[in-house]
Amino acid sequence: MIYNGRSEYKVKFYKNPGTGKEPALEYLKSLAKKDRTKVSKYIEELRKRGGYLDEPYSRHVEGKIRELRVDFAHNRHRIFYFIFVQKTIIMLHAFLKTTPKTPPREIKKAKENHYDVLQNYNHYEK
């Protein structure tokens, strides 16, 4: 097949192979409707723009991991993601930011999930 450059990016959520849980998706579903709508719009914009948004909407965290930053009212939602093969954006982990700096434990979770995706890449290629 010849690459035409027109295929769109898709968004997938990390799924823990042991528990079956999808932390970023579960976080999204737990939000109030207005917050969920706002976060979903940011995810869609991220998808349309091929996984890259400028600051303050997105920023590099570490390695391939980036952070989608959604501030709405007094809530500061953060979703860690990375760009995977075949134009796939994998949402790794999400949380409500309540401190000035991102807690190291949240970055650690995203890194663990990123590593897990790379070890089980065949689950995300489709």
C-alpha atoms as a PDB file:
ATOM      1  CA  MET A   1       0.000   0.000   0.000  1.00  0.00           C
ATOM      2  CA  ILE A   2       1.277   3.462  -0.845  1.00  0.00           C
ATOM      3  CA  TYR A   3       1.194   6.007   1.956  1.00  0.00           C
ATOM      4  CA  ASN A   4      -0.902   9.008   0.934  1.00  0.00           C
ATOM      5  CA  GLY A   5      -0.477  11.080   4.105  1.00  0.00           C
ATOM      6  CA  ARG A   6      -4.228  11.543   4.466  1.00  0.00           C
ATOM      7  CA  SER A   7      -5.149   8.887   6.970  1.00  0.00           C
ATOM      8  CA  GLU A   8      -6.243  10.372  10.248  1.00  0.00           C
ATOM      9  CA  TYR A   9      -4.887   9.834  13.701  1.00  0.00           C
ATOM     10  CA  LYS A  10      -6.886   7.724  16.104  1.00  0.00           C
ATOM     11  CA  VAL A  11      -7.082   7.768  19.888  1.00  0.00           C
ATOM     12  CA  LYS A  12      -6.856   4.651  22.032  1.00  0.00           C
ATOM     13  CA  PHE A  13      -6.761   4.259  25.775  1.00  0.00           C
ATOM     14  CA  TYR A  14      -4.153   2.246  27.619  1.00  0.00           C
ATOM     15  CA  LYS A  15      -5.622  -0.976  29.000  1.00  0.00           C
ATOM     16  CA  ASN A  16      -3.887  -2.781  31.847  1.00  0.00           C
ATOM     17  CA  PRO A  17      -3.505  -6.390  30.645  1.00  0.00           C
ATOM     18  CA  GLY A  18      -3.728  -7.770  34.186  1.00  0.00           C
ATOM     19  CA  THR A  19      -6.788  -5.908  35.455  1.00  0.00           C
ATOM     20  CA  GLY A  20      -8.470  -4.868  32.223  1.00  0.00           C
ATOM     21  CA  LYS A  21      -8.779  -1.321  33.589  1.00  0.00           C
ATOM     22  CA  GLU A  22      -8.384   1.717  31.350  1.00  0.00           C
ATOM     23  CA  PRO A  23      -7.285   4.456  33.769  1.00  0.00           C
ATOM     24  CA  ALA A  24      -7.531   7.468  31.432  1.00  0.00           C
ATOM     25  CA  LEU A  25     -10.911   6.387  30.066  1.00  0.00           C
ATOM     26  CA  GLU A  26     -12.238   5.640  33.549  1.00  0.00           C
ATOM     27  CA  TYR A  27     -11.079   9.087  34.703  1.00  0.00           C
ATOM     28  CA  LEU A  28     -12.845  10.703  31.754  1.00  0.00           C
ATOM     29  CA  LYS A  29     -16.073   8.813  32.471  1.00  0.00           C
ATOM     30  CA  SER A  30     -15.954   9.860  36.136  1.00  0.00           C
ATOM     31  CA  LEU A  31     -15.999  13.589  35.339  1.00  0.00           C
ATOM     32  CA  ALA A  32     -19.031  15.836  35.535  1.00  0.00           C
ATOM     33  CA  LYS A  33     -20.693  16.298  32.153  1.00  0.00           C
ATOM     34  CA  LYS A  34     -19.285  19.798  31.495  1.00  0.00           C
ATOM     35  CA  ASP A  35     -15.742  18.766  32.392  1.00  0.00           C
ATOM     36  CA  ARG A  36     -16.033  15.547  30.371  1.00  0.00           C
ATOM     37  CA  THR A  37     -17.246  17.519  27.349  1.00  0.00           C
ATOM     38  CA  LYS A  38     -14.351  19.980  27.612  1.00  0.00           C
ATOM     39  CA  VAL A  39     -11.732  17.249  28.019  1.00  0.00           C
ATOM     40  CA  SER A  40     -13.258  15.301  25.111  1.00  0.00           C
ATOM     41  CA  LYS A  41     -13.025  18.390  22.888  1.00  0.00           C
ATOM     42  CA  TYR A  42      -9.335  18.758  23.735  1.00  0.00           C
ATOM     43  CA  ILE A  43      -8.726  15.078  22.954  1.00  0.00           C
ATOM     44  CA  GLU A  44     -10.504  15.499  19.624  1.00  0.00           C
ATOM     45  CA  GLU A  45      -8.432  18.590  18.808  1.00  0.00           C
ATOM     46  CA  LEU A  46      -5.305  16.644  19.712  1.00  0.00           C
ATOM     47  CA  ARG A  47      -6.378  13.882  17.324  1.00  0.00           C
ATOM     48  CA  LYS A  48      -7.114  16.320  14.496  1.00  0.00           C
ATOM     49  CA  ARG A  49      -3.699  17.938  14.905  1.00  0.00           C
ATOM     50  CA  GLY A  50      -1.765  14.702  14.801  1.00  0.00           C
ATOM     51  CA  GLY A  51      -0.977  14.503  18.499  1.00  0.00           C
ATOM     52  CA  TYR A  52       0.625  17.907  18.878  1.00  0.00           C
ATOM     53  CA  LEU A  53      -0.774  20.987  20.526  1.00  0.00           C
ATOM     54  CA  ASP A  54       1.311  23.962  21.577  1.00  0.00           C
ATOM     55  CA  GLU A  55       1.622  25.158  25.154  1.00  0.00           C
ATOM     56  CA  PRO A  56      -0.368  25.801  27.231  1.00  0.00           C
ATOM     57  CA  TYR A  57      -2.580  22.975  25.898  1.00  0.00           C
ATOM     58  CA  SER A  58       0.105  20.321  25.801  1.00  0.00           C
ATOM     59  CA  ARG A  59       3.665  19.957  27.001  1.00  0.00           C
ATOM     60  CA  HIS A  60       6.510  17.481  26.914  1.00  0.00           C
ATOM     61  CA  VAL A  61       6.937  15.483  30.134  1.00  0.00           C
ATOM     62  CA  GLU A  62       9.664  12.912  29.566  1.00  0.00           C
ATOM     63  CA  GLY A  63      10.851  10.776  26.662  1.00  0.00           C
ATOM     64  CA  LYS A  64       7.905  10.284  24.310  1.00  0.00           C
ATOM     65  CA  ILE A  65       5.325  11.145  26.965  1.00  0.00           C
ATOM     66  CA  ARG A  66       3.385  14.392  26.698  1.00  0.00           C
ATOM     67  CA  GLU A  67       0.707  15.933  28.899  1.00  0.00           C
ATOM     68  CA  LEU A  68      -2.643  17.234  27.654  1.00  0.00           C
ATOM     69  CA  ARG A  69      -3.590  20.156  29.892  1.00  0.00           C
ATOM     70  CA  VAL A  70      -7.271  20.968  30.264  1.00  0.00           C
ATOM     71  CA  ASP A  71      -8.114  23.788  32.655  1.00  0.00           C
ATOM     72  CA  PHE A  72     -11.819  24.305  33.203  1.00  0.00           C
ATOM     73  CA  ALA A  73     -13.312  26.450  35.961  1.00  0.00           C
ATOM     74  CA  HIS A  74     -11.200  25.535  39.005  1.00  0.00           C
ATOM     75  CA  ASN A  75     -10.285  22.078  37.715  1.00  0.00           C
ATOM     76  CA  ARG A  76      -6.951  21.286  36.110  1.00  0.00           C
ATOM     77  CA  HIS A  77      -7.230  17.971  34.298  1.00  0.00           C
ATOM     78  CA  ARG A  78      -4.044  16.310  33.059  1.00  0.00           C
ATOM     79  CA  ILE A  79      -3.864  13.398  30.643  1.00  0.00           C
ATOM     80  CA  PHE A  80      -0.560  11.758  29.774  1.00  0.00           C
ATOM     81  CA  TYR A  81      -0.262  10.374  26.260  1.00  0.00           C
ATOM     82  CA  PHE A  82       2.194   9.483  23.521  1.00  0.00           C
ATOM     83  CA  ILE A  83       2.151   8.971  19.786  1.00  0.00           C
ATOM     84  CA  PHE A  84       2.342   5.321  18.827  1.00  0.00           C
ATOM     85  CA  VAL A  85       2.686   3.463  15.521  1.00  0.00           C
ATOM     86  CA  GLN A  86       0.166   3.835  12.719  1.00  0.00           C
ATOM     87  CA  LYS A  87      -0.890   7.326  13.785  1.00  0.00           C
ATOM     88  CA  THR A  88      -2.275   6.212  17.119  1.00  0.00           C
ATOM     89  CA  ILE A  89      -2.419   8.430  20.188  1.00  0.00           C
ATOM     90  CA  ILE A  90      -2.391   6.331  23.357  1.00  0.00           C
ATOM     91  CA  MET A  91      -3.918   7.957  26.439  1.00  0.00           C
ATOM     92  CA  LEU A  92      -1.926   6.525  29.326  1.00  0.00           C
ATOM     93  CA  HIS A  93      -3.069   8.069  32.580  1.00  0.00           C
ATOM     94  CA  ALA A  94      -5.188  10.986  33.815  1.00  0.00           C
ATOM     95  CA  PHE A  95      -5.629  12.873  37.054  1.00  0.00           C
ATOM     96  CA  LEU A  96      -6.917  16.079  38.603  1.00  0.00           C
ATOM     97  CA  LYS A  97      -3.988  18.369  39.334  1.00  0.00           C
ATOM     98  CA  THR A  98      -4.242  20.006  42.760  1.00  0.00           C
ATOM     99  CA  THR A  99      -0.620  21.026  43.345  1.00  0.00           C
ATOM    100  CA  PRO A 100       1.648  23.546  41.595  1.00  0.00           C
ATOM    101  CA  LYS A 101       3.952  20.808  40.272  1.00  0.00           C
ATOM    102  CA  THR A 102       2.873  17.497  38.810  1.00  0.00           C
ATOM    103  CA  PRO A 103       3.317  14.861  41.522  1.00  0.00           C
ATOM    104  CA  PRO A 104       6.105  12.384  40.667  1.00  0.00           C
ATOM    105  CA  ARG A 105       3.760   9.448  41.391  1.00  0.00           C
ATOM    106  CA  GLU A 106       1.493  10.549  38.511  1.00  0.00           C
ATOM    107  CA  ILE A 107       4.415  10.709  36.087  1.00  0.00           C
ATOM    108  CA  LYS A 108       5.573   7.312  37.359  1.00  0.00           C
ATOM    109  CA  LYS A 109       2.152   5.798  36.562  1.00  0.00           C
ATOM    110  CA  ALA A 110       2.277   7.235  33.043  1.00  0.00           C
ATOM    111  CA  LYS A 111       5.793   5.871  32.524  1.00  0.00           C
ATOM    112  CA  GLU A 112       4.759   2.425  33.764  1.00  0.00           C
ATOM    113  CA  ASN A 113       1.754   2.408  31.438  1.00  0.00           C
ATOM    114  CA  HIS A 114       3.937   3.594  28.533  1.00  0.00           C
ATOM    115  CA  TYR A 115       6.377   0.751  29.197  1.00  0.00           C
ATOM    116  CA  ASP A 116       3.465  -1.696  29.362  1.00  0.00           C
ATOM    117  CA  VAL A 117       2.153  -0.522  25.981  1.00  0.00           C
ATOM    118  CA  LEU A 118       5.578  -1.055  24.430  1.00  0.00           C
ATOM    119  CA  GLN A 119       5.731  -4.573  25.914  1.00  0.00           C
ATOM    120  CA  ASN A 120       2.226  -5.402  24.612  1.00  0.00           C
ATOM    121  CA  TYR A 121       2.262  -3.350  21.410  1.00  0.00           C
ATOM    122  CA  ASN A 122       0.252  -5.908  19.441  1.00  0.00           C
ATOM    123  CA  HIS A 123      -2.863  -4.938  21.461  1.00  0.00           C
ATOM    124  CA  TYR A 124      -2.699  -1.389  20.077  1.00  0.00           C
ATOM    125  CA  GLU A 125      -1.734  -1.909  16.425  1.00  0.00           C
ATOM    126  CA  LYS A 126      -5.229  -2.621  15.118  1.00  0.00           C
END
